[in-house]
Amino acid sequence: SLRDDFEISCTPVDDLVVIANSCD
């Protein structure tokens, strides 16, 4: 929601979120 509706994220943050979510 912050990324798509509020538009306050950025590419490095999104990349970091993807990496975090890929971890067991």
PDB file of all heavy atoms in Angstrom:
ATOM      1  N   SER A   1       0.826  -1.207   0.000  1.00  0.00           N
ATOM      2  CA  SER A   1       0.000   0.000   0.000  1.00  0.00           C
ATOM      3  C   SER A   1       0.864   1.262   0.000  1.00  0.00           C
ATOM      4  O   SER A   1       0.581   2.233  -0.715  1.00  0.00           O
ATOM      5  CB  SER A   1      -0.919  -0.019   1.220  1.00  0.00           C
ATOM      6  OG  SER A   1      -1.775   1.098   1.239  1.00  0.00           O
ATOM      7  N   LEU A   2       1.931   1.258   0.785  1.00  0.00           N
ATOM      8  CA  LEU A   2       2.845   2.406   0.812  1.00  0.00           C
ATOM      9  C   LEU A   2       3.536   2.590  -0.532  1.00  0.00           C
ATOM     10  O   LEU A   2       3.753   3.713  -0.993  1.00  0.00           O
ATOM     11  CB  LEU A   2       3.896   2.202   1.907  1.00  0.00           C
ATOM     12  CG  LEU A   2       3.401   2.305   3.345  1.00  0.00           C
ATOM     13  CD1 LEU A   2       4.434   1.732   4.308  1.00  0.00           C
ATOM     14  CD2 LEU A   2       3.072   3.745   3.706  1.00  0.00           C
ATOM     15  N   ARG A   3       3.851   1.490  -1.177  1.00  0.00           N
ATOM     16  CA  ARG A   3       4.536   1.536  -2.480  1.00  0.00           C
ATOM     17  C   ARG A   3       3.598   1.969  -3.599  1.00  0.00           C
ATOM     18  O   ARG A   3       3.949   2.840  -4.411  1.00  0.00           O
ATOM     19  CB  ARG A   3       5.093   0.142  -2.782  1.00  0.00           C
ATOM     20  CG  ARG A   3       5.846   0.013  -4.109  1.00  0.00           C
ATOM     21  CD  ARG A   3       6.084  -1.450  -4.432  1.00  0.00           C
ATOM     22  NE  ARG A   3       4.827  -2.158  -4.619  1.00  0.00           N
ATOM     23  CZ  ARG A   3       4.629  -3.439  -4.287  1.00  0.00           C
ATOM     24  NH1 ARG A   3       5.599  -4.143  -3.732  1.00  0.00           N
ATOM     25  NH2 ARG A   3       3.450  -3.997  -4.485  1.00  0.00           N
ATOM     26  N   ASP A   4       2.399   1.397  -3.644  1.00  0.00           N
ATOM     27  CA  ASP A   4       1.520   1.577  -4.799  1.00  0.00           C
ATOM     28  C   ASP A   4       0.509   2.707  -4.623  1.00  0.00           C
ATOM     29  O   ASP A   4       0.274   3.475  -5.562  1.00  0.00           O
ATOM     30  CB  ASP A   4       0.771   0.276  -5.094  1.00  0.00           C
ATOM     31  CG  ASP A   4       1.709  -0.875  -5.395  1.00  0.00           C
ATOM     32  OD1 ASP A   4       2.847  -0.615  -5.848  1.00  0.00           O
ATOM     33  OD2 ASP A   4       1.318  -2.030  -5.163  1.00  0.00           O
ATOM     34  N   ASP A   5      -0.103   2.802  -3.424  1.00  0.00           N
ATOM     35  CA  ASP A   5      -1.120   3.828  -3.208  1.00  0.00           C
ATOM     36  C   ASP A   5      -0.531   5.128  -2.669  1.00  0.00           C
ATOM     37  O   ASP A   5      -0.927   6.215  -3.086  1.00  0.00           O
ATOM     38  CB  ASP A   5      -2.189   3.326  -2.237  1.00  0.00           C
ATOM     39  CG  ASP A   5      -3.228   2.456  -2.928  1.00  0.00           C
ATOM     40  OD1 ASP A   5      -3.229   2.409  -4.170  1.00  0.00           O
ATOM     41  OD2 ASP A   5      -4.042   1.816  -2.226  1.00  0.00           O
ATOM     42  N   PHE A   6       0.424   5.013  -1.736  1.00  0.00           N
ATOM     43  CA  PHE A   6       0.977   6.240  -1.143  1.00  0.00           C
ATOM     44  C   PHE A   6       2.254   6.687  -1.842  1.00  0.00           C
ATOM     45  O   PHE A   6       2.677   7.823  -1.678  1.00  0.00           O
ATOM     46  CB  PHE A   6       1.214   6.040   0.363  1.00  0.00           C
ATOM     47  CG  PHE A   6       0.764   7.207   1.189  1.00  0.00           C
ATOM     48  CD1 PHE A   6      -0.570   7.570   1.238  1.00  0.00           C
ATOM     49  CD2 PHE A   6       1.659   7.944   1.929  1.00  0.00           C
ATOM     50  CE1 PHE A   6      -1.001   8.650   2.007  1.00  0.00           C
ATOM     51  CE2 PHE A   6       1.258   9.023   2.701  1.00  0.00           C
ATOM     52  CZ  PHE A   6      -0.085   9.376   2.733  1.00  0.00           C
ATOM     53  N   GLU A   7       2.880   5.796  -2.552  1.00  0.00           N
ATOM     54  CA  GLU A   7       4.055   6.097  -3.379  1.00  0.00           C
ATOM     55  C   GLU A   7       5.182   6.783  -2.599  1.00  0.00           C
ATOM     56  O   GLU A   7       5.660   7.846  -2.968  1.00  0.00           O
ATOM     57  CB  GLU A   7       3.652   6.939  -4.587  1.00  0.00           C
ATOM     58  CG  GLU A   7       2.686   6.232  -5.536  1.00  0.00           C
ATOM     59  CD  GLU A   7       2.344   7.052  -6.766  1.00  0.00           C
ATOM     60  OE1 GLU A   7       1.625   8.074  -6.602  1.00  0.00           O
ATOM     61  OE2 GLU A   7       2.777   6.681  -7.859  1.00  0.00           O
ATOM     62  N   ILE A   8       5.600   6.115  -1.518  1.00  0.00           N
ATOM     63  CA  ILE A   8       6.700   6.681  -0.729  1.00  0.00           C
ATOM     64  C   ILE A   8       7.901   5.739  -0.670  1.00  0.00           C
ATOM     65  O   ILE A   8       8.854   6.016   0.064  1.00  0.00           O
ATOM     66  CB  ILE A   8       6.267   7.036   0.707  1.00  0.00           C
ATOM     67  CG1 ILE A   8       5.867   5.769   1.474  1.00  0.00           C
ATOM     68  CG2 ILE A   8       5.164   8.069   0.718  1.00  0.00           C
ATOM     69  CD1 ILE A   8       5.877   5.940   2.967  1.00  0.00           C
ATOM     70  N   SER A   9       7.853   4.638  -1.414  1.00  0.00           N
ATOM     71  CA  SER A   9       8.993   3.745  -1.430  1.00  0.00           C
ATOM     72  C   SER A   9       9.943   4.153  -2.553  1.00  0.00           C
ATOM     73  O   SER A   9       9.736   5.155  -3.235  1.00  0.00           O
ATOM     74  CB  SER A   9       8.536   2.285  -1.613  1.00  0.00           C
ATOM     75  OG  SER A   9       9.604   1.396  -1.350  1.00  0.00           O
ATOM     76  N   CYS A  10      11.005   3.396  -2.727  1.00  0.00           N
ATOM     77  CA  CYS A  10      11.973   3.644  -3.798  1.00  0.00           C
ATOM     78  C   CYS A  10      12.618   2.316  -4.153  1.00  0.00           C
ATOM     79  O   CYS A  10      12.480   1.324  -3.417  1.00  0.00           O
ATOM     80  CB  CYS A  10      13.017   4.675  -3.371  1.00  0.00           C
ATOM     81  SG  CYS A  10      14.001   4.198  -1.928  1.00  0.00           S
ATOM     82  N   THR A  11      13.327   2.268  -5.273  1.00  0.00           N
ATOM     83  CA  THR A  11      13.845   0.996  -5.779  1.00  0.00           C
ATOM     84  C   THR A  11      14.740   0.264  -4.783  1.00  0.00           C
ATOM     85  O   THR A  11      14.569  -0.951  -4.572  1.00  0.00           O
ATOM     86  CB  THR A  11      14.575   1.217  -7.108  1.00  0.00           C
ATOM     87  OG1 THR A  11      13.637   1.742  -8.066  1.00  0.00           O
ATOM     88  CG2 THR A  11      15.155  -0.082  -7.641  1.00  0.00           C
ATOM     89  N   PRO A  12      15.715   0.917  -4.141  1.00  0.00           N
ATOM     90  CA  PRO A  12      16.543   0.172  -3.176  1.00  0.00           C
ATOM     91  C   PRO A  12      15.729  -0.426  -2.031  1.00  0.00           C
ATOM     92  O   PRO A  12      16.001  -1.557  -1.600  1.00  0.00           O
ATOM     93  CB  PRO A  12      17.544   1.214  -2.671  1.00  0.00           C
ATOM     94  CG  PRO A  12      17.609   2.238  -3.768  1.00  0.00           C
ATOM     95  CD  PRO A  12      16.217   2.303  -4.307  1.00  0.00           C
ATOM     96  N   VAL A  13      14.755   0.309  -1.543  1.00  0.00           N
ATOM     97  CA  VAL A  13      13.906  -0.208  -0.465  1.00  0.00           C
ATOM     98  C   VAL A  13      13.103  -1.404  -0.955  1.00  0.00           C
ATOM     99  O   VAL A  13      12.996  -2.432  -0.272  1.00  0.00           O
ATOM    100  CB  VAL A  13      12.982   0.904   0.069  1.00  0.00           C
ATOM    101  CG1 VAL A  13      11.884   0.309   0.959  1.00  0.00           C
ATOM    102  CG2 VAL A  13      13.789   1.928   0.858  1.00  0.00           C
ATOM    103  N   ASP A  14      12.520  -1.286  -2.142  1.00  0.00           N
ATOM    104  CA  ASP A  14      11.756  -2.413  -2.696  1.00  0.00           C
ATOM    105  C   ASP A  14      12.651  -3.638  -2.897  1.00  0.00           C
ATOM    106  O   ASP A  14      12.237  -4.769  -2.633  1.00  0.00           O
ATOM    107  CB  ASP A  14      11.110  -2.010  -4.026  1.00  0.00           C
ATOM    108  CG  ASP A  14      10.007  -0.977  -3.855  1.00  0.00           C
ATOM    109  OD1 ASP A  14       9.454  -0.878  -2.742  1.00  0.00           O
ATOM    110  OD2 ASP A  14       9.698  -0.273  -4.832  1.00  0.00           O
ATOM    111  N   ASP A  15      13.872  -3.422  -3.368  1.00  0.00           N
ATOM    112  CA  ASP A  15      14.815  -4.537  -3.529  1.00  0.00           C
ATOM    113  C   ASP A  15      15.112  -5.203  -2.188  1.00  0.00           C
ATOM    114  O   ASP A  15      15.185  -6.437  -2.086  1.00  0.00           O
ATOM    115  CB  ASP A  15      16.125  -4.041  -4.147  1.00  0.00           C
ATOM    116  CG  ASP A  15      15.984  -3.636  -5.610  1.00  0.00           C
ATOM    117  OD1 ASP A  15      14.984  -4.032  -6.246  1.00  0.00           O
ATOM    118  OD2 ASP A  15      16.875  -2.918  -6.110  1.00  0.00           O
ATOM    119  N   LEU A  16      15.292  -4.382  -1.166  1.00  0.00           N
ATOM    120  CA  LEU A  16      15.580  -4.909   0.163  1.00  0.00           C
ATOM    121  C   LEU A  16      14.398  -5.715   0.695  1.00  0.00           C
ATOM    122  O   LEU A  16      14.577  -6.780   1.309  1.00  0.00           O
ATOM    123  CB  LEU A  16      15.928  -3.756   1.105  1.00  0.00           C
ATOM    124  CG  LEU A  16      16.246  -4.082   2.561  1.00  0.00           C
ATOM    125  CD1 LEU A  16      17.299  -5.175   2.671  1.00  0.00           C
ATOM    126  CD2 LEU A  16      16.697  -2.814   3.287  1.00  0.00           C
ATOM    127  N   VAL A  17      13.187  -5.236   0.463  1.00  0.00           N
ATOM    128  CA  VAL A  17      11.987  -5.959   0.890  1.00  0.00           C
ATOM    129  C   VAL A  17      11.900  -7.312   0.193  1.00  0.00           C
ATOM    130  O   VAL A  17      11.584  -8.343   0.816  1.00  0.00           O
ATOM    131  CB  VAL A  17      10.723  -5.118   0.634  1.00  0.00           C
ATOM    132  CG1 VAL A  17       9.462  -5.963   0.769  1.00  0.00           C
ATOM    133  CG2 VAL A  17      10.663  -3.940   1.602  1.00  0.00           C
ATOM    134  N   VAL A  18      12.189  -7.340  -1.108  1.00  0.00           N
ATOM    135  CA  VAL A  18      12.167  -8.600  -1.856  1.00  0.00           C
ATOM    136  C   VAL A  18      13.181  -9.586  -1.281  1.00  0.00           C
ATOM    137  O   VAL A  18      12.895 -10.774  -1.093  1.00  0.00           O
ATOM    138  CB  VAL A  18      12.425  -8.345  -3.354  1.00  0.00           C
ATOM    139  CG1 VAL A  18      12.685  -9.666  -4.089  1.00  0.00           C
ATOM    140  CG2 VAL A  18      11.252  -7.611  -3.983  1.00  0.00           C
ATOM    141  N   ILE A  19      14.392  -9.105  -1.007  1.00  0.00           N
ATOM    142  CA  ILE A  19      15.427  -9.971  -0.428  1.00  0.00           C
ATOM    143  C   ILE A  19      14.972 -10.514   0.929  1.00  0.00           C
ATOM    144  O   ILE A  19      15.105 -11.712   1.214  1.00  0.00           O
ATOM    145  CB  ILE A  19      16.755  -9.206  -0.294  1.00  0.00           C
ATOM    146  CG1 ILE A  19      17.360  -8.952  -1.671  1.00  0.00           C
ATOM    147  CG2 ILE A  19      17.732  -9.962   0.597  1.00  0.00           C
ATOM    148  CD1 ILE A  19      18.546  -8.011  -1.659  1.00  0.00           C
ATOM    149  N   ALA A  20      14.432  -9.637   1.767  1.00  0.00           N
ATOM    150  CA  ALA A  20      13.980 -10.059   3.099  1.00  0.00           C
ATOM    151  C   ALA A  20      12.899 -11.126   2.988  1.00  0.00           C
ATOM    152  O   ALA A  20      12.929 -12.140   3.704  1.00  0.00           O
ATOM    153  CB  ALA A  20      13.468  -8.862   3.883  1.00  0.00           C
ATOM    154  N   ASN A  21      11.950 -10.908   2.081  1.00  0.00           N
ATOM    155  CA  ASN A  21      10.843 -11.860   1.958  1.00  0.00           C
ATOM    156  C   ASN A  21      11.271 -13.195   1.349  1.00  0.00           C
ATOM    157  O   ASN A  21      10.548 -14.189   1.466  1.00  0.00           O
ATOM    158  CB  ASN A  21       9.720 -11.243   1.124  1.00  0.00           C
ATOM    159  CG  ASN A  21       8.884 -10.264   1.920  1.00  0.00           C
ATOM    160  OD1 ASN A  21       8.674 -10.445   3.117  1.00  0.00           O
ATOM    161  ND2 ASN A  21       8.413  -9.205   1.278  1.00  0.00           N
ATOM    162  N   SER A  22      12.436 -13.233   0.710  1.00  0.00           N
ATOM    163  CA  SER A  22      12.922 -14.475   0.119  1.00  0.00           C
ATOM    164  C   SER A  22      13.617 -15.372   1.131  1.00  0.00           C
ATOM    165  O   SER A  22      13.937 -16.527   0.828  1.00  0.00           O
ATOM    166  CB  SER A  22      13.890 -14.168  -1.034  1.00  0.00           C
ATOM    167  OG  SER A  22      15.123 -13.665  -0.537  1.00  0.00           O
ATOM    168  N   CYS A  23      13.838 -14.857   2.334  1.00  0.00           N
ATOM    169  CA  CYS A  23      14.573 -15.613   3.357  1.00  0.00           C
ATOM    170  C   CYS A  23      13.645 -16.585   4.087  1.00  0.00           C
ATOM    171  O   CYS A  23      12.532 -16.201   4.494  1.00  0.00           O
ATOM    172  CB  CYS A  23      15.198 -14.669   4.378  1.00  0.00           C
ATOM    173  SG  CYS A  23      16.408 -13.521   3.703  1.00  0.00           S
ATOM    174  N   ASP A  24      14.107 -17.801   4.284  1.00  0.00           N
ATOM    175  CA  ASP A  24      13.367 -18.743   5.123  1.00  0.00           C
ATOM    176  C   ASP A  24      13.273 -18.171   6.537  1.00  0.00           C
ATOM    177  O   ASP A  24      14.281 -17.753   7.114  1.00  0.00           O
ATOM    178  CB  ASP A  24      14.084 -20.093   5.164  1.00  0.00           C
ATOM    179  CG  ASP A  24      14.026 -20.824   3.831  1.00  0.00           C
ATOM    180  OD1 ASP A  24      13.121 -20.520   3.028  1.00  0.00           O
ATOM    181  OD2 ASP A  24      14.893 -21.694   3.600  1.00  0.00           O
TER     182      ASP A  24
END
